[in-house]
Amino acid sequence: MQVPTLDQHEALARQLAEALARIAKLEAAQPDWLREEEAMSLTGLSRSTLIRERKKNDTPLVITDSGPLRYLRSSVEAFNEARMLRKTTLRLAA
């Protein structure tokens, strides 16, 4: 196994920092509101399941009050995190 030199390590650290900066810019450029199809894609849910989930009282999903139906991106991300935590908790309890 070859051990990287300090120069190689520093170069890799710079590349990683640049990649993280590019990712941050891309994330910042993402719209705050998602169309239903985008929310379906991010959650992996069908339209009917997504509708059912957003109607629940304890849902983290936030939608627009008027105009075209949109989902707040951060609420979709929170929904995914909550779902992952539920699945993990259920697996651990089994």
PDB file of N, CA and C in Angstrom:
ATOM      1  N   MET A   1       0.843  -1.170   0.000  1.00  0.00           N
ATOM      2  CA  MET A   1       0.000   0.000   0.000  1.00  0.00           C
ATOM      3  C   MET A   1       0.892   1.238   0.000  1.00  0.00           C
ATOM      4  N   GLN A   2       0.534   2.179  -0.845  1.00  0.00           N
ATOM      5  CA  GLN A   2       1.337   3.390  -0.972  1.00  0.00           C
ATOM      6  C   GLN A   2       0.775   4.481  -0.056  1.00  0.00           C
ATOM      7  N   VAL A   3       1.616   5.091   0.738  1.00  0.00           N
ATOM      8  CA  VAL A   3       1.218   6.164   1.647  1.00  0.00           C
ATOM      9  C   VAL A   3       1.328   7.486   0.897  1.00  0.00           C
ATOM     10  N   PRO A   4       0.239   8.294   0.898  1.00  0.00           N
ATOM     11  CA  PRO A   4       0.300   9.569   0.183  1.00  0.00           C
ATOM     12  C   PRO A   4       1.270  10.535   0.861  1.00  0.00           C
ATOM     13  N   THR A   5       1.898  11.335   0.027  1.00  0.00           N
ATOM     14  CA  THR A   5       2.808  12.358   0.552  1.00  0.00           C
ATOM     15  C   THR A   5       1.986  13.524   1.100  1.00  0.00           C
ATOM     16  N   LEU A   6       2.639  14.399   1.822  1.00  0.00           N
ATOM     17  CA  LEU A   6       1.971  15.577   2.368  1.00  0.00           C
ATOM     18  C   LEU A   6       1.425  16.452   1.238  1.00  0.00           C
ATOM     19  N   ASP A   7       2.202  16.602   0.169  1.00  0.00           N
ATOM     20  CA  ASP A   7       1.736  17.393  -0.982  1.00  0.00           C
ATOM     21  C   ASP A   7       0.489  16.775  -1.607  1.00  0.00           C
ATOM     22  N   GLN A   8       0.480  15.452  -1.741  1.00  0.00           N
ATOM     23  CA  GLN A   8      -0.684  14.769  -2.306  1.00  0.00           C
ATOM     24  C   GLN A   8      -1.899  14.944  -1.393  1.00  0.00           C
ATOM     25  N   HIS A   9      -1.670  14.839  -0.105  1.00  0.00           N
ATOM     26  CA  HIS A   9      -2.748  15.010   0.868  1.00  0.00           C
ATOM     27  C   HIS A   9      -3.315  16.430   0.790  1.00  0.00           C
ATOM     28  N   GLU A  10      -2.457  17.426   0.726  1.00  0.00           N
ATOM     29  CA  GLU A  10      -2.904  18.817   0.636  1.00  0.00           C
ATOM     30  C   GLU A  10      -3.649  19.079  -0.668  1.00  0.00           C
ATOM     31  N   ALA A  11      -3.172  18.492  -1.760  1.00  0.00           N
ATOM     32  CA  ALA A  11      -3.849  18.651  -3.052  1.00  0.00           C
ATOM     33  C   ALA A  11      -5.243  18.033  -2.993  1.00  0.00           C
ATOM     34  N   LEU A  12      -5.348  16.872  -2.381  1.00  0.00           N
ATOM     35  CA  LEU A  12      -6.642  16.208  -2.239  1.00  0.00           C
ATOM     36  C   LEU A  12      -7.576  17.042  -1.359  1.00  0.00           C
ATOM     37  N   ALA A  13      -7.037  17.614  -0.294  1.00  0.00           N
ATOM     38  CA  ALA A  13      -7.839  18.462   0.589  1.00  0.00           C
ATOM     39  C   ALA A  13      -8.355  19.686  -0.164  1.00  0.00           C
ATOM     40  N   ARG A  14      -7.517  20.290  -1.023  1.00  0.00           N
ATOM     41  CA  ARG A  14      -7.949  21.436  -1.835  1.00  0.00           C
ATOM     42  C   ARG A  14      -9.058  21.024  -2.803  1.00  0.00           C
ATOM     43  N   GLN A  15      -8.881  19.872  -3.453  1.00  0.00           N
ATOM     44  CA  GLN A  15      -9.897  19.389  -4.393  1.00  0.00           C
ATOM     45  C   GLN A  15     -11.218  19.148  -3.672  1.00  0.00           C
ATOM     46  N   LEU A  16     -11.146  18.574  -2.491  1.00  0.00           N
ATOM     47  CA  LEU A  16     -12.357  18.317  -1.714  1.00  0.00           C
ATOM     48  C   LEU A  16     -13.034  19.629  -1.324  1.00  0.00           C
ATOM     49  N   ALA A  17     -12.258  20.604  -0.877  1.00  0.00           N
ATOM     50  CA  ALA A  17     -12.816  21.907  -0.504  1.00  0.00           C
ATOM     51  C   ALA A  17     -13.474  22.577  -1.707  1.00  0.00           C
ATOM     52  N   GLU A  18     -12.845  22.484  -2.877  1.00  0.00           N
ATOM     53  CA  GLU A  18     -13.424  23.064  -4.091  1.00  0.00           C
ATOM     54  C   GLU A  18     -14.719  22.355  -4.468  1.00  0.00           C
ATOM     55  N   ALA A  19     -14.734  21.042  -4.354  1.00  0.00           N
ATOM     56  CA  ALA A  19     -15.944  20.275  -4.669  1.00  0.00           C
ATOM     57  C   ALA A  19     -17.071  20.641  -3.706  1.00  0.00           C
ATOM     58  N   LEU A  20     -16.766  20.761  -2.427  1.00  0.00           N
ATOM     59  CA  LEU A  20     -17.782  21.145  -1.445  1.00  0.00           C
ATOM     60  C   LEU A  20     -18.311  22.548  -1.718  1.00  0.00           C
ATOM     61  N   ALA A  21     -17.447  23.449  -2.146  1.00  0.00           N
ATOM     62  CA  ALA A  21     -17.879  24.807  -2.487  1.00  0.00           C
ATOM     63  C   ALA A  21     -18.814  24.784  -3.695  1.00  0.00           C
ATOM     64  N   ARG A  22     -18.487  23.957  -4.701  1.00  0.00           N
ATOM     65  CA  ARG A  22     -19.362  23.836  -5.876  1.00  0.00           C
ATOM     66  C   ARG A  22     -20.715  23.257  -5.479  1.00  0.00           C
ATOM     67  N   ILE A  23     -20.716  22.254  -4.610  1.00  0.00           N
ATOM     68  CA  ILE A  23     -21.973  21.654  -4.145  1.00  0.00           C
ATOM     69  C   ILE A  23     -22.808  22.694  -3.410  1.00  0.00           C
ATOM     70  N   ALA A  24     -22.175  23.480  -2.552  1.00  0.00           N
ATOM     71  CA  ALA A  24     -22.896  24.520  -1.808  1.00  0.00           C
ATOM     72  C   ALA A  24     -23.529  25.530  -2.757  1.00  0.00           C
ATOM     73  N   LYS A  25     -22.809  25.907  -3.816  1.00  0.00           N
ATOM     74  CA  LYS A  25     -23.363  26.842  -4.802  1.00  0.00           C
ATOM     75  C   LYS A  25     -24.562  26.228  -5.520  1.00  0.00           C
ATOM     76  N   LEU A  26     -24.442  24.959  -5.894  1.00  0.00           N
ATOM     77  CA  LEU A  26     -25.546  24.284  -6.572  1.00  0.00           C
ATOM     78  C   LEU A  26     -26.762  24.178  -5.662  1.00  0.00           C
ATOM     79  N   GLU A  27     -26.525  23.838  -4.402  1.00  0.00           N
ATOM     80  CA  GLU A  27     -27.639  23.731  -3.464  1.00  0.00           C
ATOM     81  C   GLU A  27     -28.306  25.084  -3.263  1.00  0.00           C
ATOM     82  N   ALA A  28     -27.516  26.143  -3.191  1.00  0.00           N
ATOM     83  CA  ALA A  28     -28.073  27.484  -3.005  1.00  0.00           C
ATOM     84  C   ALA A  28     -28.882  27.916  -4.222  1.00  0.00           C
ATOM     85  N   ALA A  29     -28.528  27.403  -5.385  1.00  0.00           N
ATOM     86  CA  ALA A  29     -29.223  27.775  -6.620  1.00  0.00           C
ATOM     87  C   ALA A  29     -30.531  27.012  -6.807  1.00  0.00           C
ATOM     88  N   GLN A  30     -30.746  25.974  -6.009  1.00  0.00           N
ATOM     89  CA  GLN A  30     -31.968  25.183  -6.140  1.00  0.00           C
ATOM     90  C   GLN A  30     -33.166  26.019  -5.695  1.00  0.00           C
ATOM     91  N   PRO A  31     -34.282  25.901  -6.401  1.00  0.00           N
ATOM     92  CA  PRO A  31     -35.463  26.663  -5.992  1.00  0.00           C
ATOM     93  C   PRO A  31     -35.978  26.164  -4.641  1.00  0.00           C
ATOM     94  N   ASP A  32     -36.556  27.096  -3.872  1.00  0.00           N
ATOM     95  CA  ASP A  32     -37.088  26.735  -2.561  1.00  0.00           C
ATOM     96  C   ASP A  32     -38.362  25.907  -2.661  1.00  0.00           C
ATOM     97  N   TRP A  33     -39.096  26.070  -3.750  1.00  0.00           N
ATOM     98  CA  TRP A  33     -40.366  25.369  -3.923  1.00  0.00           C
ATOM     99  C   TRP A  33     -40.257  24.357  -5.052  1.00  0.00           C
ATOM    100  N   LEU A  34     -40.822  23.176  -4.831  1.00  0.00           N
ATOM    101  CA  LEU A  34     -40.748  22.074  -5.794  1.00  0.00           C
ATOM    102  C   LEU A  34     -42.117  21.774  -6.381  1.00  0.00           C
ATOM    103  N   ARG A  35     -42.136  21.416  -7.645  1.00  0.00           N
ATOM    104  CA  ARG A  35     -43.367  20.905  -8.248  1.00  0.00           C
ATOM    105  C   ARG A  35     -43.644  19.520  -7.666  1.00  0.00           C
ATOM    106  N   GLU A  36     -44.872  19.062  -7.821  1.00  0.00           N
ATOM    107  CA  GLU A  36     -45.256  17.764  -7.257  1.00  0.00           C
ATOM    108  C   GLU A  36     -44.381  16.638  -7.802  1.00  0.00           C
ATOM    109  N   GLU A  37     -44.066  16.691  -9.091  1.00  0.00           N
ATOM    110  CA  GLU A  37     -43.238  15.649  -9.702  1.00  0.00           C
ATOM    111  C   GLU A  37     -41.848  15.612  -9.068  1.00  0.00           C
ATOM    112  N   GLU A  38     -41.309  16.797  -8.756  1.00  0.00           N
ATOM    113  CA  GLU A  38     -39.993  16.857  -8.113  1.00  0.00           C
ATOM    114  C   GLU A  38     -40.060  16.294  -6.694  1.00  0.00           C
ATOM    115  N   ALA A  39     -41.130  16.621  -5.969  1.00  0.00           N
ATOM    116  CA  ALA A  39     -41.305  16.081  -4.614  1.00  0.00           C
ATOM    117  C   ALA A  39     -41.462  14.563  -4.668  1.00  0.00           C
ATOM    118  N   MET A  40     -42.190  14.068  -5.667  1.00  0.00           N
ATOM    119  CA  MET A  40     -42.345  12.619  -5.834  1.00  0.00           C
ATOM    120  C   MET A  40     -40.987  11.970  -6.074  1.00  0.00           C
ATOM    121  N   SER A  41     -40.192  12.598  -6.909  1.00  0.00           N
ATOM    122  CA  SER A  41     -38.871  12.057  -7.227  1.00  0.00           C
ATOM    123  C   SER A  41     -37.963  12.041  -6.003  1.00  0.00           C
ATOM    124  N   LEU A  42     -37.970  13.126  -5.227  1.00  0.00           N
ATOM    125  CA  LEU A  42     -37.104  13.206  -4.049  1.00  0.00           C
ATOM    126  C   LEU A  42     -37.531  12.251  -2.937  1.00  0.00           C
ATOM    127  N   THR A  43     -38.832  12.007  -2.813  1.00  0.00           N
ATOM    128  CA  THR A  43     -39.314  11.119  -1.750  1.00  0.00           C
ATOM    129  C   THR A  43     -39.413   9.669  -2.200  1.00  0.00           C
ATOM    130  N   GLY A  44     -39.502   9.459  -3.509  1.00  0.00           N
ATOM    131  CA  GLY A  44     -39.698   8.099  -4.009  1.00  0.00           C
ATOM    132  C   GLY A  44     -41.131   7.624  -3.843  1.00  0.00           C
ATOM    133  N   LEU A  45     -42.052   8.564  -3.614  1.00  0.00           N
ATOM    134  CA  LEU A  45     -43.453   8.210  -3.393  1.00  0.00           C
ATOM    135  C   LEU A  45     -44.279   8.454  -4.654  1.00  0.00           C
ATOM    136  N   SER A  46     -45.363   7.706  -4.769  1.00  0.00           N
ATOM    137  CA  SER A  46     -46.308   7.945  -5.857  1.00  0.00           C
ATOM    138  C   SER A  46     -47.115   9.197  -5.527  1.00  0.00           C
ATOM    139  N   ARG A  47     -47.825   9.707  -6.513  1.00  0.00           N
ATOM    140  CA  ARG A  47     -48.643  10.905  -6.309  1.00  0.00           C
ATOM    141  C   ARG A  47     -49.686  10.664  -5.215  1.00  0.00           C
ATOM    142  N   SER A  48     -50.364   9.522  -5.275  1.00  0.00           N
ATOM    143  CA  SER A  48     -51.421   9.258  -4.288  1.00  0.00           C
ATOM    144  C   SER A  48     -50.853   9.131  -2.872  1.00  0.00           C
ATOM    145  N   THR A  49     -49.687   8.513  -2.729  1.00  0.00           N
ATOM    146  CA  THR A  49     -49.075   8.388  -1.403  1.00  0.00           C
ATOM    147  C   THR A  49     -48.610   9.748  -0.902  1.00  0.00           C
ATOM    148  N   LEU A  50     -48.061  10.554  -1.786  1.00  0.00           N
ATOM    149  CA  LEU A  50     -47.615  11.895  -1.399  1.00  0.00           C
ATOM    150  C   LEU A  50     -48.804  12.740  -0.940  1.00  0.00           C
ATOM    151  N   ILE A  51     -49.924  12.637  -1.646  1.00  0.00           N
ATOM    152  CA  ILE A  51     -51.140  13.359  -1.257  1.00  0.00           C
ATOM    153  C   ILE A  51     -51.599  12.893   0.121  1.00  0.00           C
ATOM    154  N   ARG A  52     -51.618  11.585   0.325  1.00  0.00           N
ATOM    155  CA  ARG A  52     -52.034  11.025   1.616  1.00  0.00           C
ATOM    156  C   ARG A  52     -51.114  11.514   2.741  1.00  0.00           C
ATOM    157  N   GLU A  53     -49.814  11.532   2.474  1.00  0.00           N
ATOM    158  CA  GLU A  53     -48.847  11.967   3.491  1.00  0.00           C
ATOM    159  C   GLU A  53     -49.008  13.446   3.832  1.00  0.00           C
ATOM    160  N   ARG A  54     -49.264  14.280   2.836  1.00  0.00           N
ATOM    161  CA  ARG A  54     -49.369  15.717   3.121  1.00  0.00           C
ATOM    162  C   ARG A  54     -50.657  16.060   3.855  1.00  0.00           C
ATOM    163  N   LYS A  55     -51.655  15.176   3.814  1.00  0.00           N
ATOM    164  CA  LYS A  55     -52.920  15.421   4.517  1.00  0.00           C
ATOM    165  C   LYS A  55     -52.869  15.016   5.988  1.00  0.00           C
ATOM    166  N   LYS A  56     -51.824  14.300   6.392  1.00  0.00           N
ATOM    167  CA  LYS A  56     -51.700  13.882   7.789  1.00  0.00           C
ATOM    168  C   LYS A  56     -51.439  15.102   8.672  1.00  0.00           C
ATOM    169  N   ASN A  57     -52.002  15.068   9.880  1.00  0.00           N
ATOM    170  CA  ASN A  57     -51.843  16.193  10.812  1.00  0.00           C
ATOM    171  C   ASN A  57     -50.399  16.407  11.243  1.00  0.00           C
ATOM    172  N   ASP A  58     -49.631  15.325  11.363  1.00  0.00           N
ATOM    173  CA  ASP A  58     -48.263  15.440  11.881  1.00  0.00           C
ATOM    174  C   ASP A  58     -47.204  15.477  10.783  1.00  0.00           C
ATOM    175  N   THR A  59     -47.613  15.778   9.561  1.00  0.00           N
ATOM    176  CA  THR A  59     -46.655  15.772   8.452  1.00  0.00           C
ATOM    177  C   THR A  59     -45.738  16.992   8.492  1.00  0.00           C
ATOM    178  N   PRO A  60     -44.469  16.798   8.163  1.00  0.00           N
ATOM    179  CA  PRO A  60     -43.586  17.961   8.031  1.00  0.00           C
ATOM    180  C   PRO A  60     -43.719  18.638   6.664  1.00  0.00           C
ATOM    181  N   LEU A  61     -44.490  18.024   5.743  1.00  0.00           N
ATOM    182  CA  LEU A  61     -44.620  18.571   4.395  1.00  0.00           C
ATOM    183  C   LEU A  61     -45.380  19.894   4.414  1.00  0.00           C
ATOM    184  N   VAL A  62     -44.799  20.894   3.762  1.00  0.00           N
ATOM    185  CA  VAL A  62     -45.411  22.222   3.657  1.00  0.00           C
ATOM    186  C   VAL A  62     -45.694  22.478   2.185  1.00  0.00           C
ATOM    187  N   ILE A  63     -46.944  22.874   1.895  1.00  0.00           N
ATOM    188  CA  ILE A  63     -47.323  23.167   0.512  1.00  0.00           C
ATOM    189  C   ILE A  63     -47.784  24.618   0.416  1.00  0.00           C
ATOM    190  N   THR A  64     -47.873  25.102  -0.819  1.00  0.00           N
ATOM    191  CA  THR A  64     -48.321  26.474  -1.051  1.00  0.00           C
ATOM    192  C   THR A  64     -49.784  26.624  -0.651  1.00  0.00           C
ATOM    193  N   ASP A  65     -50.152  27.837  -0.209  1.00  0.00           N
ATOM    194  CA  ASP A  65     -51.538  28.120   0.170  1.00  0.00           C
ATOM    195  C   ASP A  65     -52.407  28.424  -1.043  1.00  0.00           C
ATOM    196  N   SER A  66     -51.794  28.996  -2.073  1.00  0.00           N
ATOM    197  CA  SER A  66     -52.561  29.366  -3.259  1.00  0.00           C
ATOM    198  C   SER A  66     -51.673  29.213  -4.486  1.00  0.00           C
ATOM    199  N   GLY A  67     -52.304  29.306  -5.633  1.00  0.00           N
ATOM    200  CA  GLY A  67     -51.552  29.141  -6.878  1.00  0.00           C
ATOM    201  C   GLY A  67     -51.249  27.677  -7.134  1.00  0.00           C
ATOM    202  N   PRO A  68     -50.287  27.424  -8.016  1.00  0.00           N
ATOM    203  CA  PRO A  68     -49.948  26.038  -8.334  1.00  0.00           C
ATOM    204  C   PRO A  68     -49.394  25.316  -7.106  1.00  0.00           C
ATOM    205  N   LEU A  69     -49.705  24.043  -6.999  1.00  0.00           N
ATOM    206  CA  LEU A  69     -49.239  23.237  -5.872  1.00  0.00           C
ATOM    207  C   LEU A  69     -47.721  23.139  -5.896  1.00  0.00           C
ATOM    208  N   ARG A  70     -47.099  23.528  -4.800  1.00  0.00           N
ATOM    209  CA  ARG A  70     -45.652  23.430  -4.645  1.00  0.00           C
ATOM    210  C   ARG A  70     -45.351  22.938  -3.238  1.00  0.00           C
ATOM    211  N   TYR A  71     -44.233  22.232  -3.111  1.00  0.00           N
ATOM    212  CA  TYR A  71     -43.757  21.734  -1.820  1.00  0.00           C
ATOM    213  C   TYR A  71     -42.503  22.505  -1.440  1.00  0.00           C
ATOM    214  N   LEU A  72     -42.418  22.921  -0.191  1.00  0.00           N
ATOM    215  CA  LEU A  72     -41.222  23.585   0.290  1.00  0.00           C
ATOM    216  C   LEU A  72     -40.097  22.553   0.352  1.00  0.00           C
ATOM    217  N   ARG A  73     -38.997  22.840  -0.338  1.00  0.00           N
ATOM    218  CA  ARG A  73     -37.886  21.883  -0.443  1.00  0.00           C
ATOM    219  C   ARG A  73     -37.424  21.409   0.937  1.00  0.00           C
ATOM    220  N   SER A  74     -37.235  22.327   1.870  1.00  0.00           N
ATOM    221  CA  SER A  74     -36.743  21.936   3.201  1.00  0.00           C
ATOM    222  C   SER A  74     -37.730  21.018   3.909  1.00  0.00           C
ATOM    223  N   SER A  75     -39.031  21.162   3.629  1.00  0.00           N
ATOM    224  CA  SER A  75     -40.015  20.279   4.266  1.00  0.00           C
ATOM    225  C   SER A  75     -39.951  18.877   3.666  1.00  0.00           C
ATOM    226  N   VAL A  76     -39.656  18.791   2.378  1.00  0.00           N
ATOM    227  CA  VAL A  76     -39.495  17.476   1.737  1.00  0.00           C
ATOM    228  C   VAL A  76     -38.254  16.786   2.302  1.00  0.00           C
ATOM    229  N   GLU A  77     -37.183  17.550   2.494  1.00  0.00           N
ATOM    230  CA  GLU A  77     -35.971  16.981   3.085  1.00  0.00           C
ATOM    231  C   GLU A  77     -36.235  16.524   4.521  1.00  0.00           C
ATOM    232  N   ALA A  78     -36.994  17.320   5.296  1.00  0.00           N
ATOM    233  CA  ALA A  78     -37.346  16.943   6.672  1.00  0.00           C
ATOM    234  C   ALA A  78     -38.223  15.693   6.676  1.00  0.00           C
ATOM    235  N   PHE A  79     -39.143  15.610   5.716  1.00  0.00           N
ATOM    236  CA  PHE A  79     -40.001  14.433   5.595  1.00  0.00           C
ATOM    237  C   PHE A  79     -39.153  13.186   5.355  1.00  0.00           C
ATOM    238  N   ASN A  80     -38.192  13.288   4.443  1.00  0.00           N
ATOM    239  CA  ASN A  80     -37.320  12.143   4.155  1.00  0.00           C
ATOM    240  C   ASN A  80     -36.511  11.733   5.380  1.00  0.00           C
ATOM    241  N   GLU A  81     -35.992  12.705   6.115  1.00  0.00           N
ATOM    242  CA  GLU A  81     -35.221  12.399   7.321  1.00  0.00           C
ATOM    243  C   GLU A  81     -36.095  11.716   8.367  1.00  0.00           C
ATOM    244  N   ALA A  82     -37.306  12.237   8.566  1.00  0.00           N
ATOM    245  CA  ALA A  82     -38.223  11.648   9.544  1.00  0.00           C
ATOM    246  C   ALA A  82     -38.589  10.224   9.144  1.00  0.00           C
ATOM    247  N   ARG A  83     -38.794  10.012   7.864  1.00  0.00           N
ATOM    248  CA  ARG A  83     -39.140   8.670   7.382  1.00  0.00           C
ATOM    249  C   ARG A  83     -37.987   7.699   7.599  1.00  0.00           C
ATOM    250  N   MET A  84     -36.764   8.160   7.346  1.00  0.00           N
ATOM    251  CA  MET A  84     -35.595   7.316   7.542  1.00  0.00           C
ATOM    252  C   MET A  84     -35.431   6.975   9.031  1.00  0.00           C
ATOM    253  N   LEU A  85     -35.644   7.959   9.901  1.00  0.00           N
ATOM    254  CA  LEU A  85     -35.545   7.713  11.338  1.00  0.00           C
ATOM    255  C   LEU A  85     -36.598   6.717  11.805  1.00  0.00           C
ATOM    256  N   ARG A  86     -37.830   6.848  11.287  1.00  0.00           N
ATOM    257  CA  ARG A  86     -38.898   5.904  11.643  1.00  0.00           C
ATOM    258  C   ARG A  86     -38.526   4.490  11.242  1.00  0.00           C
ATOM    259  N   LYS A  87     -38.034   4.346  10.008  1.00  0.00           N
ATOM    260  CA  LYS A  87     -37.654   3.015   9.519  1.00  0.00           C
ATOM    261  C   LYS A  87     -36.536   2.425  10.364  1.00  0.00           C
ATOM    262  N   THR A  88     -35.545   3.242  10.706  1.00  0.00           N
ATOM    263  CA  THR A  88     -34.420   2.771  11.516  1.00  0.00           C
ATOM    264  C   THR A  88     -34.897   2.361  12.900  1.00  0.00           C
ATOM    265  N   THR A  89     -35.766   3.168  13.496  1.00  0.00           N
ATOM    266  CA  THR A  89     -36.293   2.859  14.825  1.00  0.00           C
ATOM    267  C   THR A  89     -37.087   1.564  14.800  1.00  0.00           C
ATOM    268  N   LEU A  90     -37.904   1.379  13.779  1.00  0.00           N
ATOM    269  CA  LEU A  90     -38.689   0.149  13.670  1.00  0.00           C
ATOM    270  C   LEU A  90     -37.788  -1.065  13.503  1.00  0.00           C
ATOM    271  N   ARG A  91     -36.720  -0.915  12.721  1.00  0.00           N
ATOM    272  CA  ARG A  91     -35.782  -2.019  12.526  1.00  0.00           C
ATOM    273  C   ARG A  91     -35.082  -2.384  13.827  1.00  0.00           C
ATOM    274  N   LEU A  92     -34.695  -1.379  14.582  1.00  0.00           N
ATOM    275  CA  LEU A  92     -33.995  -1.627  15.843  1.00  0.00           C
ATOM    276  C   LEU A  92     -34.923  -2.255  16.879  1.00  0.00           C
ATOM    277  N   ALA A  93     -36.206  -1.892  16.826  1.00  0.00           N
ATOM    278  CA  ALA A  93     -37.168  -2.429  17.788  1.00  0.00           C
ATOM    279  C   ALA A  93     -37.538  -3.874  17.479  1.00  0.00           C
ATOM    280  N   ALA A  94     -37.343  -4.289  16.237  1.00  0.00           N
ATOM    281  CA  ALA A  94     -37.741  -5.651  15.830  1.00  0.00           C
ATOM    282  C   ALA A  94     -36.777  -6.705  16.328  1.00  0.00           C
TER     283      ALA A  94
END
